[in-house]
Protein backbone atom coordinates (compact mmCIF):
# COMPACT_ATOMS: atom_id res chain seq x y z
CA MET A 1 52.25 6.75 0.21
CA ALA A 2 53.85 5.39 3.23
CA VAL A 3 51.17 6.67 5.61
CA LYS A 4 47.94 5.45 3.85
CA ARG A 5 49.74 1.76 3.24
CA ARG A 6 50.36 1.51 7.17
CA SER A 7 46.88 2.70 7.81
CA PHE A 8 45.10 0.29 5.96
CA ALA A 9 46.99 -2.54 6.43
CA HIS A 10 47.26 -1.87 9.96
CA ALA A 11 43.44 -1.61 10.00
CA ARG A 12 43.07 -5.31 8.03
CA LYS A 13 45.46 -7.00 10.35
CA THR A 14 43.55 -5.69 13.65
CA ALA A 15 40.83 -6.77 12.25
CA GLY A 16 42.47 -10.13 11.80
CA TYR A 17 42.31 -10.77 8.27
CA SER A 18 45.02 -11.30 5.77
CA GLN A 19 44.85 -9.97 2.36
CA GLU A 20 43.53 -13.53 1.19
CA SER A 21 40.75 -14.02 3.82
CA LEU A 22 39.67 -9.98 3.06
CA ALA A 23 39.84 -10.35 -1.04
CA GLU A 24 37.46 -13.75 0.10
CA GLN A 25 35.18 -11.51 2.30
CA LEU A 26 34.74 -8.94 -0.39
CA GLY A 27 34.68 -10.67 -2.83
CA VAL A 28 37.57 -9.58 -5.01
CA ASP A 29 41.36 -10.48 -5.66
CA ARG A 30 43.69 -10.23 -3.02
CA THR A 31 45.83 -8.01 -6.08
CA THR A 32 43.12 -5.76 -5.19
CA VAL A 33 43.77 -5.53 -1.92
CA ALA A 34 47.19 -5.40 -1.95
CA ARG A 35 46.59 -2.10 -4.48
CA TRP A 36 44.42 -0.21 -1.88
CA GLU A 37 47.20 -0.98 0.73
CA ALA A 38 49.70 0.08 -1.84
CA GLY A 39 47.59 3.36 -2.79
CA GLU A 40 47.33 2.31 -6.32
CA SER A 41 43.99 2.51 -5.81
CA VAL A 42 40.69 3.09 -3.42
CA PRO A 43 37.75 1.01 -2.94
CA GLN A 44 34.53 1.87 -4.83
CA PRO A 45 31.80 3.76 -3.15
CA TRP A 46 29.30 0.73 -2.98
CA GLN A 47 32.55 -1.70 -1.53
CA ARG A 48 32.92 1.00 1.36
CA PRO A 49 30.12 -0.23 3.75
CA ARG A 50 31.30 -4.32 3.62
CA ILE A 51 34.93 -3.23 4.13
CA ALA A 52 33.62 -0.53 6.92
CA GLU A 53 32.00 -3.33 8.58
CA ALA A 54 34.84 -6.14 7.98
CA PHE A 55 36.95 -3.54 9.93
CA GLY A 56 34.84 -2.61 12.57
CA LEU A 57 34.77 0.86 11.98
CA SER A 58 32.18 3.21 10.88
CA LEU A 59 32.03 4.00 7.38
CA GLY A 60 33.16 7.94 8.30
CA ALA A 61 35.99 6.30 9.77
CA LEU A 62 37.01 4.33 6.95
CA ASN A 63 36.62 7.08 4.17
CA GLN A 64 38.69 9.34 6.39
CA LEU A 65 41.17 6.49 6.72
CA LEU A 66 41.30 6.29 2.68
CA ASP A 67 41.45 9.95 1.92
CA GLU A 68 44.46 10.49 3.74
CA GLU A 69 46.36 10.75 0.53
CA PRO A 70 44.72 10.85 -2.52
CA PRO A 71 45.86 7.72 -4.95
CA GLU A 72 48.67 7.45 -7.08
CA ARG A 73 49.37 5.16 -10.29
CA ALA A 74 52.28 3.10 -9.55
CA ALA A 75 55.43 4.02 -11.18
CA ASP A 76 55.26 0.62 -13.28
CA ALA A 77 51.64 0.46 -13.60
CA PRO A 78 50.10 0.99 -17.73
CA PRO A 79 48.42 4.58 -17.90
CA VAL A 80 44.86 3.93 -18.49
CA GLY A 81 43.63 3.42 -21.57
CA GLU A 82 47.05 1.20 -22.45
CA ASP A 83 46.83 -2.17 -23.10
CA SER A 84 48.74 -4.47 -20.30
CA ALA A 85 51.08 -7.40 -21.42
CA GLY A 86 51.43 -10.46 -20.23
CA PRO A 87 49.70 -12.25 -17.49
CA ALA A 88 49.38 -9.06 -15.10
CA GLY A 89 47.20 -7.40 -17.98
CA TYR A 90 45.00 -10.67 -17.79
CA GLU A 91 44.80 -10.27 -13.85
CA GLN A 92 43.33 -6.73 -13.84
CA VAL A 93 40.97 -7.84 -16.47
CA HIS A 94 40.06 -10.45 -13.95
CA ALA A 95 39.74 -8.50 -10.98
CA ALA A 96 37.65 -6.10 -12.97
CA ALA A 97 35.12 -8.62 -13.79
CA ARG A 98 35.06 -10.11 -9.92
CA GLU A 99 34.65 -6.37 -8.76
CA SER A 100 31.72 -5.83 -11.13
CA LEU A 101 30.17 -9.15 -9.78
CA ALA A 102 30.69 -8.52 -6.24
CA PHE A 103 28.67 -5.14 -6.79
CA VAL A 104 25.81 -7.31 -8.63
CA THR A 105 25.57 -9.16 -5.29
CA TRP A 106 25.61 -6.07 -3.20
CA ALA A 107 22.93 -4.33 -5.70
CA GLU A 108 20.67 -7.79 -5.35
CA THR A 109 20.94 -7.34 -1.73
CA SER A 110 17.28 -6.37 0.27
CA ASN A 111 16.86 -5.93 4.01
CA VAL A 112 12.62 -6.20 3.48
CA SER A 113 11.06 -9.68 2.28
CA ALA A 114 7.51 -9.90 0.36
CA SER A 115 6.43 -11.33 3.72
CA ALA A 116 6.98 -8.32 5.85
CA LEU A 117 5.64 -5.89 2.98
CA ASP A 118 2.40 -8.18 3.35
CA HIS A 119 2.61 -7.85 7.27
CA LEU A 120 2.59 -4.25 6.85
CA THR A 121 0.06 -3.87 4.10
CA CYS A 122 -2.32 -6.44 6.06
CA GLU A 123 -2.15 -4.33 9.41
CA ILE A 124 -2.55 -0.98 8.22
CA GLY A 125 -5.56 -2.37 6.20
CA ARG A 126 -6.60 -3.74 9.72
CA VAL A 127 -6.11 -0.52 11.58
CA ALA A 128 -7.69 1.61 8.80
CA ILE A 129 -10.90 -0.51 9.11
CA SER A 130 -11.14 -0.79 12.72
CA TYR A 131 -10.19 2.98 13.34
CA VAL A 132 -13.95 3.86 12.27
CA HIS A 133 -15.59 1.36 14.97
CA ALA A 134 -13.17 0.57 17.54
CA PRO A 135 -11.33 3.00 20.52
CA LEU A 136 -8.72 5.11 19.39
CA ALA A 137 -6.04 5.06 21.90
CA PRO A 138 -5.14 1.10 21.22
CA LEU A 139 -5.00 1.69 17.63
CA PHE A 140 -2.92 5.09 18.08
CA ARG A 141 -0.46 2.68 19.88
CA ASP A 142 -0.28 0.25 16.54
CA LEU A 143 0.08 2.74 14.19
CA VAL A 144 2.97 4.22 16.14
CA GLY A 145 4.49 0.35 15.66
CA LEU A 146 3.75 0.13 12.06
CA ARG A 147 5.13 3.48 11.03
CA SER A 148 8.44 2.82 12.90
CA LEU A 149 8.66 -0.37 11.37
CA ALA A 150 8.81 0.92 7.85
CA PHE A 151 10.81 3.81 8.84
CA GLY A 152 13.17 1.16 9.83
CA VAL A 153 13.59 -0.82 7.52
CA LEU A 154 14.11 2.18 5.37
CA THR A 155 16.83 3.86 7.27
CA THR A 156 18.97 0.99 8.32
CA GLY A 157 19.50 -1.26 4.59
CA ARG A 158 18.64 -1.15 1.35
CA GLN A 159 15.90 -2.00 -1.02
CA TYR A 160 15.52 -2.75 -4.44
CA PRO A 161 13.50 0.10 -6.06
CA GLN A 162 10.12 -1.03 -6.00
CA GLU A 163 10.19 -2.05 -2.53
CA ALA A 164 11.50 1.62 -1.42
CA ARG A 165 8.41 3.03 -3.19
CA GLU A 166 5.76 0.66 -1.60
CA LEU A 167 7.66 0.84 1.58
CA PHE A 168 7.69 4.72 1.16
CA PHE A 169 3.88 4.31 0.34
CA LEU A 170 3.24 2.46 3.56
CA ALA A 171 4.93 4.64 5.83
CA GLY A 172 3.20 7.59 4.74
CA THR A 173 -0.09 5.52 4.94
CA SER A 174 0.77 5.13 8.41
CA CYS A 175 1.52 8.99 9.01
CA VAL A 176 -1.67 9.81 7.37
CA LEU A 177 -3.66 7.80 9.87
CA LEU A 178 -1.60 9.20 12.78
CA ALA A 179 -2.39 12.55 11.42
CA HIS A 180 -6.19 11.68 11.96
CA ALA A 181 -5.50 10.40 14.91
CA SER A 182 -3.69 13.09 16.43
CA GLN A 183 -6.59 15.30 15.00
CA ASN A 184 -9.08 13.38 16.61
CA LEU A 185 -7.00 13.66 19.94
CA GLY A 186 -7.07 17.42 19.59
CA ASP A 187 -3.45 17.82 18.64
CA SER A 188 -3.60 19.67 15.46
CA ALA A 189 0.50 20.70 15.30
CA SER A 190 1.28 17.09 15.76
CA ALA A 191 -1.18 15.97 13.26
CA MET A 192 0.20 18.37 10.74
CA ALA A 193 3.55 17.27 12.00
CA GLN A 194 2.64 13.50 10.35
CA LEU A 195 1.04 15.07 7.15
CA ARG A 196 4.44 16.78 6.64
CA ALA A 197 6.18 13.20 6.93
CA ALA A 198 3.19 11.77 4.55
CA LEU A 199 3.55 13.84 1.55
CA THR A 200 7.48 13.50 2.06
CA CYS A 201 6.85 9.77 1.85
CA ALA A 202 4.25 10.53 -1.29
CA GLU A 203 7.00 11.99 -2.70
CA GLN A 204 9.96 9.70 -2.41
CA ALA A 205 7.38 6.86 -3.79
CA ASP A 206 6.06 9.38 -6.59
CA HIS A 207 2.06 8.16 -5.13
CA HIS A 208 -0.68 10.42 -6.70
CA GLY A 209 -3.04 8.68 -4.35
CA LEU A 210 -1.26 9.44 -1.28
CA ARG A 211 -0.83 12.82 -2.21
CA ALA A 212 -4.26 13.52 -2.73
CA TRP A 213 -5.22 11.59 0.65
CA ALA A 214 -2.39 13.70 2.47
CA HIS A 215 -3.96 17.02 1.11
CA GLY A 216 -7.59 16.53 1.50
CA THR A 217 -6.51 15.64 5.66
CA ALA A 218 -4.60 18.67 5.54
CA ALA A 219 -7.63 20.41 4.30
CA LEU A 220 -9.46 18.19 7.23
CA ILE A 221 -7.37 19.46 9.73
CA ALA A 222 -7.22 23.25 8.66
CA GLU A 223 -10.86 23.44 8.80
CA TRP A 224 -10.98 22.39 12.42
CA THR A 225 -8.70 24.69 13.24
CA TYR A 226 -10.52 27.21 11.81
CA GLN A 227 -8.21 27.74 9.20
CA HIS A 228 -11.04 27.64 6.39
CA ARG A 229 -9.30 29.59 3.58
CA ARG A 230 -6.39 27.27 4.20
CA ALA A 231 -8.87 23.94 4.04
CA ILE A 232 -9.81 25.42 1.06
CA ASP A 233 -6.78 25.55 -0.38
CA SER A 234 -5.59 22.13 0.49
CA ALA A 235 -8.38 20.58 -0.78
CA GLN A 236 -8.09 22.36 -4.16
CA ARG A 237 -4.70 21.64 -4.23
CA GLY A 238 -5.39 17.79 -3.82
CA GLN A 239 -7.63 17.40 -6.72
CA PRO A 240 -5.16 17.52 -9.46
CA PHE A 241 -3.58 13.91 -7.60
CA ALA A 242 -6.83 12.29 -7.02
CA PRO A 243 -6.89 8.99 -9.50
CA THR A 244 -10.23 7.80 -7.89
CA ALA A 245 -13.73 8.32 -7.89
CA GLU A 246 -13.58 8.34 -3.76
CA SER A 247 -10.42 10.41 -3.66
CA ARG A 248 -12.37 13.24 -5.66
CA VAL A 249 -15.68 13.32 -4.11
CA ARG A 250 -13.55 13.65 -0.85
CA LEU A 251 -11.56 16.27 -2.10
CA ALA A 252 -14.93 18.18 -3.48
CA SER A 253 -16.84 17.57 -0.04
CA LEU A 254 -14.20 18.74 1.99
CA GLU A 255 -13.54 22.06 -0.10
CA ALA A 256 -17.50 22.17 0.22
CA ARG A 257 -17.84 22.03 3.63
CA ALA A 258 -14.84 24.49 4.52
CA ALA A 259 -16.28 26.93 2.11
CA ALA A 260 -19.52 26.83 3.91
CA ARG A 261 -17.74 27.79 7.04
CA THR A 262 -16.68 30.91 4.72
CA GLY A 263 -20.17 31.58 3.92
CA ASP A 264 -19.52 31.37 0.55
CA ARG A 265 -22.80 29.79 -0.68
CA ALA A 266 -21.46 29.30 -4.49
CA LEU A 267 -18.28 27.40 -3.92
CA THR A 268 -20.21 25.50 -1.48
CA LEU A 269 -22.94 24.43 -3.95
CA ASP A 270 -20.42 24.41 -6.69
CA ALA A 271 -17.99 21.92 -4.95
CA LEU A 272 -21.12 20.03 -3.25
CA ASP A 273 -22.15 19.72 -7.24
CA ARG A 274 -18.92 18.51 -8.29
CA ALA A 275 -18.88 15.56 -5.39
CA GLU A 276 -22.48 14.32 -6.80
CA ARG A 277 -20.50 13.99 -10.17
CA ALA A 278 -17.55 12.89 -9.41
CA ARG A 279 -19.38 10.01 -7.92
CA ASP A 280 -20.66 8.81 -11.19
CA SER A 281 -16.86 9.17 -12.87
CA ALA A 282 -14.12 6.36 -13.55
CA ALA A 283 -13.42 4.61 -10.41
CA GLY A 284 -9.85 4.34 -11.11
CA SER A 285 -7.10 2.76 -8.18
CA ASP A 286 -5.03 4.88 -5.38
CA GLN A 287 -3.92 1.79 -3.37
CA LEU A 288 -5.35 3.32 -0.13
CA GLY A 289 -8.69 2.77 -1.17
CA GLU A 290 -8.59 -1.08 -0.96
CA PHE A 291 -7.61 -0.79 2.94
CA GLY A 292 -10.45 0.65 3.33
CA GLY A 293 -12.40 1.68 6.33
CA LEU A 294 -10.90 5.52 7.36
CA LEU A 295 -9.05 5.56 3.96
CA SER A 296 -12.44 5.58 1.92
CA PHE A 297 -15.32 7.99 1.14
CA PRO A 298 -18.42 6.01 0.96
CA VAL A 299 -21.78 7.55 0.27
CA SER A 300 -22.71 7.71 3.76
CA LYS A 301 -19.65 10.11 4.72
CA GLN A 302 -20.62 12.05 1.46
CA HIS A 303 -24.00 12.46 3.03
CA CYS A 304 -22.69 13.64 5.94
CA TYR A 305 -20.44 16.40 4.51
CA ALA A 306 -23.43 17.48 2.57
CA GLY A 307 -25.58 17.66 5.42
CA SER A 308 -22.76 19.66 7.37
CA ALA A 309 -22.51 21.93 4.92
CA HIS A 310 -25.99 22.74 4.30
CA MET A 311 -26.59 23.32 7.63
CA LEU A 312 -23.75 25.82 8.06
CA LEU A 313 -25.31 27.94 5.48
CA GLY A 314 -28.55 27.92 7.14
CA ASP A 315 -30.31 25.22 5.01
CA ALA A 316 -32.04 22.85 8.07
CA ASP A 317 -34.42 21.02 5.44
CA HIS A 318 -31.35 20.08 3.39
CA ALA A 319 -29.26 19.46 6.44
CA LEU A 320 -31.85 17.24 7.98
CA ARG A 321 -32.52 15.34 4.91
CA ASN A 322 -28.74 14.57 3.55
CA CYS A 323 -27.79 13.82 7.43
CA LEU A 324 -30.55 11.46 8.28
CA LEU A 325 -29.85 9.58 4.94
CA ALA A 326 -26.48 9.22 6.25
CA ILE A 327 -27.46 8.10 9.34
CA ALA A 328 -29.99 5.58 7.82
CA MET A 329 -26.90 4.03 5.28
CA TYR A 330 -24.80 3.96 8.49
CA GLU A 331 -27.67 1.85 10.80
CA ALA A 332 -28.11 -0.42 7.83
CA GLY A 333 -24.89 -1.42 6.83
CA PRO A 334 -21.85 -3.53 7.96
CA ALA A 335 -21.09 -2.67 11.39
CA GLU A 336 -17.37 -2.81 10.93
CA GLN A 337 -18.09 -0.04 8.40
CA ARG A 338 -20.43 2.15 10.73
CA SER A 339 -18.47 5.26 11.28
CA TYR A 340 -19.56 6.17 14.91
CA GLY A 341 -17.45 9.51 14.25
CA ASP A 342 -19.12 10.40 11.29
CA GLU A 343 -22.43 9.32 12.62
CA ALA A 344 -22.20 11.13 16.45
CA LEU A 345 -21.35 14.45 13.93
CA ALA A 346 -24.25 14.31 12.05
CA TRP A 347 -26.67 13.74 14.63
CA VAL A 348 -25.12 16.78 16.15
CA ASP A 349 -26.31 18.55 12.45
CA VAL A 350 -29.31 17.01 12.90
CA SER A 351 -29.78 18.34 16.51
CA ILE A 352 -28.86 22.00 15.03
CA ALA A 353 -31.44 21.51 11.93
CA ARG A 354 -33.86 21.19 14.78
CA LEU A 355 -33.14 23.80 16.93
CA THR A 356 -32.90 26.01 13.82
CA LEU A 357 -36.74 24.79 12.72
CA GLY A 358 -38.19 25.60 16.26
CA ASP A 359 -37.96 21.37 17.47
CA LEU A 360 -36.48 21.42 21.33
CA ASP A 361 -37.35 18.11 21.85
CA GLY A 362 -36.42 16.86 18.52
CA ALA A 363 -33.14 18.46 19.02
CA GLY A 364 -32.31 16.62 22.07
CA GLU A 365 -33.66 13.17 21.17
CA ALA A 366 -30.76 13.52 18.13
CA LEU A 367 -28.25 14.47 20.99
CA ARG A 368 -29.20 10.90 22.95
CA PRO A 369 -26.75 8.87 20.75
CA VAL A 370 -24.06 11.37 21.01
CA PHE A 371 -24.21 11.56 24.77
CA GLU A 372 -24.20 7.74 25.12
CA LEU A 373 -20.91 7.37 23.48
CA ALA A 374 -17.78 6.03 25.74
CA PRO A 375 -15.29 8.47 26.78
CA GLU A 376 -12.75 7.00 24.54
CA ARG A 377 -14.96 7.55 21.49
CA ARG A 378 -15.73 11.35 21.95
CA ILE A 379 -13.04 12.81 19.46
CA GLU A 380 -12.36 16.23 19.37
CA GLN A 381 -14.56 17.29 16.53
CA LEU A 382 -17.84 16.42 18.88
CA ALA A 383 -16.71 18.73 21.28
CA VAL A 384 -16.94 21.54 18.67
CA GLY A 385 -19.67 20.37 16.72
CA LEU A 386 -21.58 20.64 20.30
CA GLY A 387 -20.34 24.05 20.81
CA ARG A 388 -22.60 24.88 17.85
CA VAL A 389 -25.22 23.34 19.37
CA ARG A 390 -24.73 25.36 22.36
CA SER A 391 -24.69 28.79 20.71
CA ALA A 392 -28.22 27.38 19.13
CA LEU A 393 -29.53 27.00 22.64
CA ARG A 394 -28.79 30.70 23.50
CA ALA A 395 -31.37 31.98 20.68
CA PRO A 396 -34.07 33.92 22.97
CA ARG A 397 -36.84 31.23 21.68
CA TYR A 398 -35.20 28.97 24.24
CA ALA A 399 -33.88 31.51 26.98
CA ARG A 400 -36.48 30.55 29.70
CA VAL A 401 -36.91 26.65 28.40
CA PRO A 402 -35.90 24.22 31.09
CA LEU A 403 -35.15 21.75 28.68
CA ALA A 404 -32.73 24.07 27.21
CA ARG A 405 -30.43 24.45 30.26
CA GLU A 406 -30.76 20.49 30.62
CA ILE A 407 -29.49 19.84 27.31
CA THR A 408 -26.79 22.83 27.86
CA GLN A 409 -25.62 21.13 30.75
CA GLN A 410 -24.76 17.62 28.99
CA VAL A 411 -23.24 19.41 26.53
CA ASP A 412 -21.14 20.63 28.71
CA ASP A 413 -20.58 17.54 30.65
CA PHE A 414 -20.00 15.66 27.39
CA GLN A 415 -17.21 18.34 26.56
CA ALA A 416 -15.37 17.83 29.91
CA GLY A 417 -15.15 13.99 29.04
CA SER A 418 -13.72 14.36 25.54
CA VAL A 419 -11.45 11.52 24.08
CA ALA A 420 -8.22 14.32 24.61
CA ASN A 421 -8.97 14.58 28.20
CA SER A 422 -9.77 10.93 29.25
CA LEU A 423 -6.10 10.35 27.52
CA LEU A 424 -4.59 12.91 29.23
CA LEU A 425 -5.96 11.37 32.55
CA THR A 426 -4.52 7.86 31.84
CA ARG A 427 -1.35 8.42 30.71
């Protein structure tokens, strides 16, 4: 045991500790340190990070030092399970008690405070609410900072189990919002990477609400990247986890719109019916809905999805009715709840419905609020939706109409000024 005795004692002395001062630093007895140096025992795993810090070593270097030779019982030490007599025996009892108390000190240590959790919660709520009505680029930067803060706390210290679950939930929620933002900026690969992180956080937090929302967002991203069967699967995968009426409505609505893109009328109408019935089901709680904004699914948004699904099936009258109702709800509601993206997409579907019904003037009028959007609000989904307007304008009835050519040119100009292109130019 000479090698280990010299190694541990040398590390102690190099760090400037006596046996007594190191024992005091670690909350153990001096004889415990002496036994470590004599090779009669080794520090427990929960003690090693504090020893490594005291010695100025990495945890790996300390473990390597301690593992140079296996610990041996001193020749005169009593076998495990046998009683020790005299003062030395009582000292071992006292030392064992002190080590247990030192473990309590370690176990009760947390690197996150209630105020830090409150800060993260409030800031994520602010971003979720702002997301639906404010420019995306500044919010994206805020989200990256919030996610990094949550990740940093989780990876550089330790927390109580309940605090860790809350941190994983908040980190996962920020990743869900980053997934939405990445997709709105036209980067679906990055969006799916964020969702993978969100689902991992949901598993660590064991949070059904976050699982349901992440699967729903995966469906949304798959839908906008033309993976419609995958979108249906993702929406259905999230439904067993959905704890709230809003979450169930969202997943059924996503399934309906994705099914409509495949032309599956029966599944589309069934999913729309399930969304209607889910709205009247028990409310429940999933924490995400409490943030509001993007992390909610109000009735107005449900009508947007229903209108889009009907339009994809070719039911122009049903589409028009739902989309105009959604727009009216947004216009009548609070400004901070007015989702410019959903409202603009509803106007796009109104335009397509009117083109289908032969109303070219009405279609152009419907697109005016869309074309007036500032470049930083021209999310990628609008460029995709306007592609369907362009296709509808190629119908024979509009082939020689000047207004149709004018609208087509406006669509091209809008797509050239999408938010993704705008951000690329300002980087």
